[in-house]
N, C-alpha and C. Protein backbone atom coordinates (compact mmCIF):
# COMPACT_ATOMS: atom_id res chain seq x y z
N MET A 1 15.99 -18.80 -25.27
CA MET A 1 16.39 -17.43 -25.05
C MET A 1 17.61 -17.43 -24.13
N PRO A 2 18.64 -16.68 -24.48
CA PRO A 2 19.83 -16.63 -23.61
C PRO A 2 19.48 -15.98 -22.27
N THR A 3 20.17 -16.39 -21.23
CA THR A 3 19.93 -15.83 -19.90
C THR A 3 21.23 -15.22 -19.38
N THR A 4 21.06 -14.43 -18.33
CA THR A 4 22.20 -13.84 -17.65
C THR A 4 21.92 -13.87 -16.16
N GLN A 5 22.94 -13.79 -15.36
CA GLN A 5 22.78 -13.83 -13.93
C GLN A 5 22.90 -12.42 -13.38
N ILE A 6 22.03 -12.09 -12.41
CA ILE A 6 22.14 -10.83 -11.68
C ILE A 6 22.30 -11.14 -10.20
N SER A 7 22.73 -10.17 -9.44
CA SER A 7 22.92 -10.35 -8.00
C SER A 7 22.30 -9.18 -7.27
N SER A 8 21.75 -9.44 -6.10
CA SER A 8 21.13 -8.38 -5.32
C SER A 8 21.19 -8.74 -3.85
N HIS A 9 21.30 -7.74 -3.02
CA HIS A 9 21.22 -7.92 -1.58
C HIS A 9 19.77 -7.71 -1.16
N ILE A 10 19.21 -8.64 -0.40
CA ILE A 10 17.84 -8.53 0.09
C ILE A 10 17.83 -8.83 1.59
N SER A 11 16.74 -8.45 2.24
CA SER A 11 16.65 -8.70 3.68
C SER A 11 16.50 -10.20 3.94
N ALA A 12 16.89 -10.61 5.13
CA ALA A 12 16.75 -12.00 5.54
C ALA A 12 15.27 -12.40 5.54
N GLU A 13 14.40 -11.45 5.94
CA GLU A 13 12.98 -11.74 5.97
C GLU A 13 12.44 -12.03 4.57
N LEU A 14 12.84 -11.23 3.60
CA LEU A 14 12.38 -11.45 2.23
C LEU A 14 12.90 -12.77 1.69
N LYS A 15 14.16 -13.08 1.98
CA LYS A 15 14.72 -14.36 1.52
C LYS A 15 13.93 -15.51 2.12
N ALA A 16 13.57 -15.43 3.40
CA ALA A 16 12.79 -16.50 4.03
C ALA A 16 11.43 -16.63 3.35
N ARG A 17 10.82 -15.51 3.00
CA ARG A 17 9.52 -15.55 2.31
C ARG A 17 9.65 -16.20 0.95
N ILE A 18 10.73 -15.88 0.25
CA ILE A 18 10.98 -16.50 -1.06
C ILE A 18 11.14 -18.01 -0.90
N GLU A 19 11.95 -18.42 0.05
CA GLU A 19 12.20 -19.84 0.25
C GLU A 19 10.91 -20.59 0.61
N LYS A 20 10.10 -19.99 1.46
CA LYS A 20 8.83 -20.61 1.85
C LYS A 20 7.91 -20.75 0.61
N TYR A 21 7.87 -19.72 -0.22
CA TYR A 21 7.01 -19.76 -1.39
C TYR A 21 7.48 -20.82 -2.38
N VAL A 22 8.77 -20.86 -2.68
CA VAL A 22 9.24 -21.82 -3.68
C VAL A 22 9.07 -23.26 -3.20
N ARG A 23 9.25 -23.50 -1.91
CA ARG A 23 9.03 -24.85 -1.37
C ARG A 23 7.56 -25.24 -1.49
N SER A 24 6.66 -24.31 -1.18
CA SER A 24 5.24 -24.67 -1.19
C SER A 24 4.66 -24.79 -2.60
N ARG A 25 5.28 -24.11 -3.58
CA ARG A 25 4.74 -24.12 -4.95
C ARG A 25 5.53 -25.02 -5.90
N GLY A 26 6.71 -25.45 -5.47
CA GLY A 26 7.50 -26.31 -6.33
C GLY A 26 8.09 -25.61 -7.54
N VAL A 27 8.38 -24.31 -7.39
CA VAL A 27 9.03 -23.56 -8.47
C VAL A 27 10.44 -23.20 -8.02
N THR A 28 11.25 -22.79 -8.97
CA THR A 28 12.60 -22.39 -8.61
C THR A 28 12.63 -20.93 -8.19
N ARG A 29 13.66 -20.56 -7.43
CA ARG A 29 13.85 -19.15 -7.08
C ARG A 29 14.00 -18.32 -8.34
N SER A 30 14.74 -18.83 -9.29
CA SER A 30 14.95 -18.08 -10.54
C SER A 30 13.62 -17.78 -11.23
N HIS A 31 12.77 -18.78 -11.30
CA HIS A 31 11.46 -18.58 -11.93
C HIS A 31 10.65 -17.52 -11.19
N LEU A 32 10.58 -17.65 -9.87
CA LEU A 32 9.82 -16.70 -9.07
C LEU A 32 10.35 -15.28 -9.24
N ILE A 33 11.66 -15.11 -9.15
CA ILE A 33 12.24 -13.77 -9.25
C ILE A 33 12.05 -13.19 -10.64
N GLU A 34 12.25 -13.99 -11.67
CA GLU A 34 12.06 -13.48 -13.04
C GLU A 34 10.61 -13.06 -13.27
N GLU A 35 9.66 -13.88 -12.82
CA GLU A 35 8.24 -13.54 -12.97
C GLU A 35 7.89 -12.28 -12.18
N ALA A 36 8.39 -12.19 -10.95
CA ALA A 36 8.10 -11.04 -10.12
C ALA A 36 8.64 -9.76 -10.75
N LEU A 37 9.86 -9.82 -11.24
CA LEU A 37 10.46 -8.64 -11.88
C LEU A 37 9.70 -8.26 -13.15
N ALA A 38 9.32 -9.26 -13.93
CA ALA A 38 8.58 -8.98 -15.17
C ALA A 38 7.24 -8.31 -14.85
N HIS A 39 6.53 -8.82 -13.86
CA HIS A 39 5.25 -8.22 -13.47
C HIS A 39 5.44 -6.80 -12.94
N HIS A 40 6.44 -6.62 -12.12
CA HIS A 40 6.70 -5.31 -11.53
C HIS A 40 7.06 -4.28 -12.61
N LEU A 41 7.96 -4.66 -13.49
CA LEU A 41 8.36 -3.74 -14.56
C LEU A 41 7.19 -3.42 -15.48
N ARG A 42 6.35 -4.42 -15.77
CA ARG A 42 5.18 -4.16 -16.62
C ARG A 42 4.24 -3.17 -15.93
N ALA A 43 4.03 -3.34 -14.64
CA ALA A 43 3.16 -2.40 -13.91
C ALA A 43 3.77 -1.00 -13.93
N LEU A 44 5.07 -0.90 -13.73
CA LEU A 44 5.71 0.41 -13.75
C LEU A 44 5.60 1.08 -15.12
N GLU A 45 5.63 0.28 -16.17
CA GLU A 45 5.53 0.80 -17.52
C GLU A 45 4.11 1.20 -17.92
N GLU A 46 3.12 0.46 -17.41
CA GLU A 46 1.76 0.64 -17.88
C GLU A 46 0.86 1.47 -16.96
N LEU A 47 1.16 1.52 -15.68
CA LEU A 47 0.30 2.27 -14.75
C LEU A 47 0.82 3.68 -14.55
N PRO A 48 -0.09 4.61 -14.29
CA PRO A 48 0.36 5.98 -13.98
C PRO A 48 1.22 5.97 -12.71
N GLU A 49 2.21 6.84 -12.68
CA GLU A 49 3.14 6.88 -11.54
C GLU A 49 2.45 7.08 -10.20
N ASP A 50 1.38 7.89 -10.18
CA ASP A 50 0.74 8.19 -8.90
C ASP A 50 -0.10 7.03 -8.38
N ILE A 51 -0.25 5.97 -9.14
CA ILE A 51 -0.99 4.78 -8.72
C ILE A 51 -0.08 3.81 -7.95
N ILE A 52 1.20 3.84 -8.27
CA ILE A 52 2.16 2.90 -7.67
C ILE A 52 2.47 3.33 -6.22
N VAL A 53 2.21 2.42 -5.29
CA VAL A 53 2.53 2.68 -3.90
C VAL A 53 3.84 1.97 -3.58
N PRO A 54 4.87 2.71 -3.18
CA PRO A 54 6.15 2.07 -2.92
C PRO A 54 6.07 1.10 -1.75
N ALA A 55 6.84 0.04 -1.81
CA ALA A 55 6.86 -0.94 -0.74
C ALA A 55 7.52 -0.38 0.51
N ARG A 56 8.38 0.61 0.33
CA ARG A 56 9.08 1.21 1.45
C ARG A 56 9.10 2.72 1.24
N ILE A 57 8.76 3.44 2.27
CA ILE A 57 8.80 4.90 2.20
C ILE A 57 9.90 5.38 3.12
N VAL A 58 10.77 6.21 2.59
CA VAL A 58 11.88 6.75 3.39
C VAL A 58 11.51 8.17 3.78
N LEU A 59 11.55 8.43 5.09
CA LEU A 59 11.20 9.74 5.60
C LEU A 59 12.42 10.46 6.16
N ALA A 60 12.37 11.78 6.10
CA ALA A 60 13.39 12.56 6.78
C ALA A 60 13.21 12.36 8.28
N ARG A 61 14.25 12.59 9.05
CA ARG A 61 14.18 12.35 10.50
C ARG A 61 13.00 13.07 11.15
N LYS A 62 12.79 14.35 10.81
CA LYS A 62 11.72 15.12 11.42
C LYS A 62 10.35 14.52 11.07
N SER A 63 10.16 14.12 9.83
CA SER A 63 8.90 13.52 9.42
C SER A 63 8.68 12.19 10.12
N ALA A 64 9.73 11.39 10.24
CA ALA A 64 9.62 10.10 10.92
C ALA A 64 9.23 10.30 12.38
N GLU A 65 9.79 11.31 13.01
CA GLU A 65 9.44 11.60 14.41
C GLU A 65 7.98 12.04 14.52
N GLN A 66 7.50 12.82 13.55
CA GLN A 66 6.10 13.24 13.57
C GLN A 66 5.17 12.04 13.41
N VAL A 67 5.50 11.12 12.52
CA VAL A 67 4.70 9.92 12.33
C VAL A 67 4.70 9.09 13.60
N ARG A 68 5.87 8.91 14.19
CA ARG A 68 5.97 8.14 15.44
C ARG A 68 5.10 8.77 16.53
N ASP A 69 5.17 10.10 16.67
CA ASP A 69 4.39 10.78 17.69
C ASP A 69 2.89 10.60 17.45
N LEU A 70 2.46 10.66 16.20
CA LEU A 70 1.03 10.48 15.89
C LEU A 70 0.57 9.05 16.17
N VAL A 71 1.44 8.09 15.94
CA VAL A 71 1.09 6.70 16.20
C VAL A 71 1.03 6.45 17.72
N GLU A 72 2.01 7.00 18.42
CA GLU A 72 2.06 6.79 19.87
C GLU A 72 1.00 7.58 20.62
N ARG A 73 0.67 8.78 20.13
CA ARG A 73 -0.33 9.63 20.77
C ARG A 73 -1.27 10.21 19.72
N PRO A 74 -2.18 9.36 19.22
CA PRO A 74 -3.06 9.86 18.16
C PRO A 74 -3.99 10.94 18.68
N PRO A 75 -4.33 11.90 17.82
CA PRO A 75 -5.25 12.96 18.24
C PRO A 75 -6.66 12.39 18.43
N GLU A 76 -7.46 13.10 19.19
CA GLU A 76 -8.85 12.70 19.37
C GLU A 76 -9.57 12.77 18.02
N PRO A 77 -10.49 11.85 17.77
CA PRO A 77 -11.22 11.88 16.50
C PRO A 77 -12.11 13.13 16.41
N THR A 78 -12.17 13.67 15.22
CA THR A 78 -13.02 14.84 14.98
C THR A 78 -14.46 14.38 14.86
N PRO A 79 -15.44 15.31 14.99
CA PRO A 79 -16.84 14.93 14.80
C PRO A 79 -17.06 14.25 13.43
N SER A 80 -16.41 14.72 12.39
CA SER A 80 -16.54 14.12 11.06
C SER A 80 -16.05 12.67 11.05
N MET A 81 -14.94 12.43 11.72
CA MET A 81 -14.41 11.06 11.78
C MET A 81 -15.36 10.16 12.56
N LYS A 82 -15.94 10.69 13.64
CA LYS A 82 -16.88 9.87 14.43
C LYS A 82 -18.09 9.51 13.59
N ARG A 83 -18.61 10.47 12.82
CA ARG A 83 -19.76 10.17 11.93
C ARG A 83 -19.38 9.14 10.88
N LEU A 84 -18.19 9.24 10.32
CA LEU A 84 -17.74 8.33 9.28
C LEU A 84 -17.70 6.90 9.79
N PHE A 85 -17.24 6.71 11.02
CA PHE A 85 -17.09 5.36 11.57
C PHE A 85 -18.27 4.90 12.43
N ASP A 86 -19.30 5.70 12.51
CA ASP A 86 -20.49 5.31 13.27
C ASP A 86 -21.25 4.25 12.46
N ASP A 87 -21.32 3.05 12.97
CA ASP A 87 -21.95 1.96 12.21
C ASP A 87 -23.41 1.74 12.56
N ARG A 88 -24.01 2.69 13.24
CA ARG A 88 -25.44 2.53 13.55
C ARG A 88 -26.30 2.86 12.36
């Protein structure tokens, strides 16, 4: 089958993960990337859209600030949450 070359910019962290994987498994980067893309595209084609969880979520500034505030100062658990996590 004829092949073609593509190019993409990725994070240094992802590149390091790719390099670690190919060294440990003895496969080429090309093989890993082609397989990963094939699996990802198949999932996108076959699964309902609401099932796919994006690897990265981009928030508006206000939403990001709200998430940060909730993480830094979480609200007290509600009685329902306490019952849910009560392991007795």
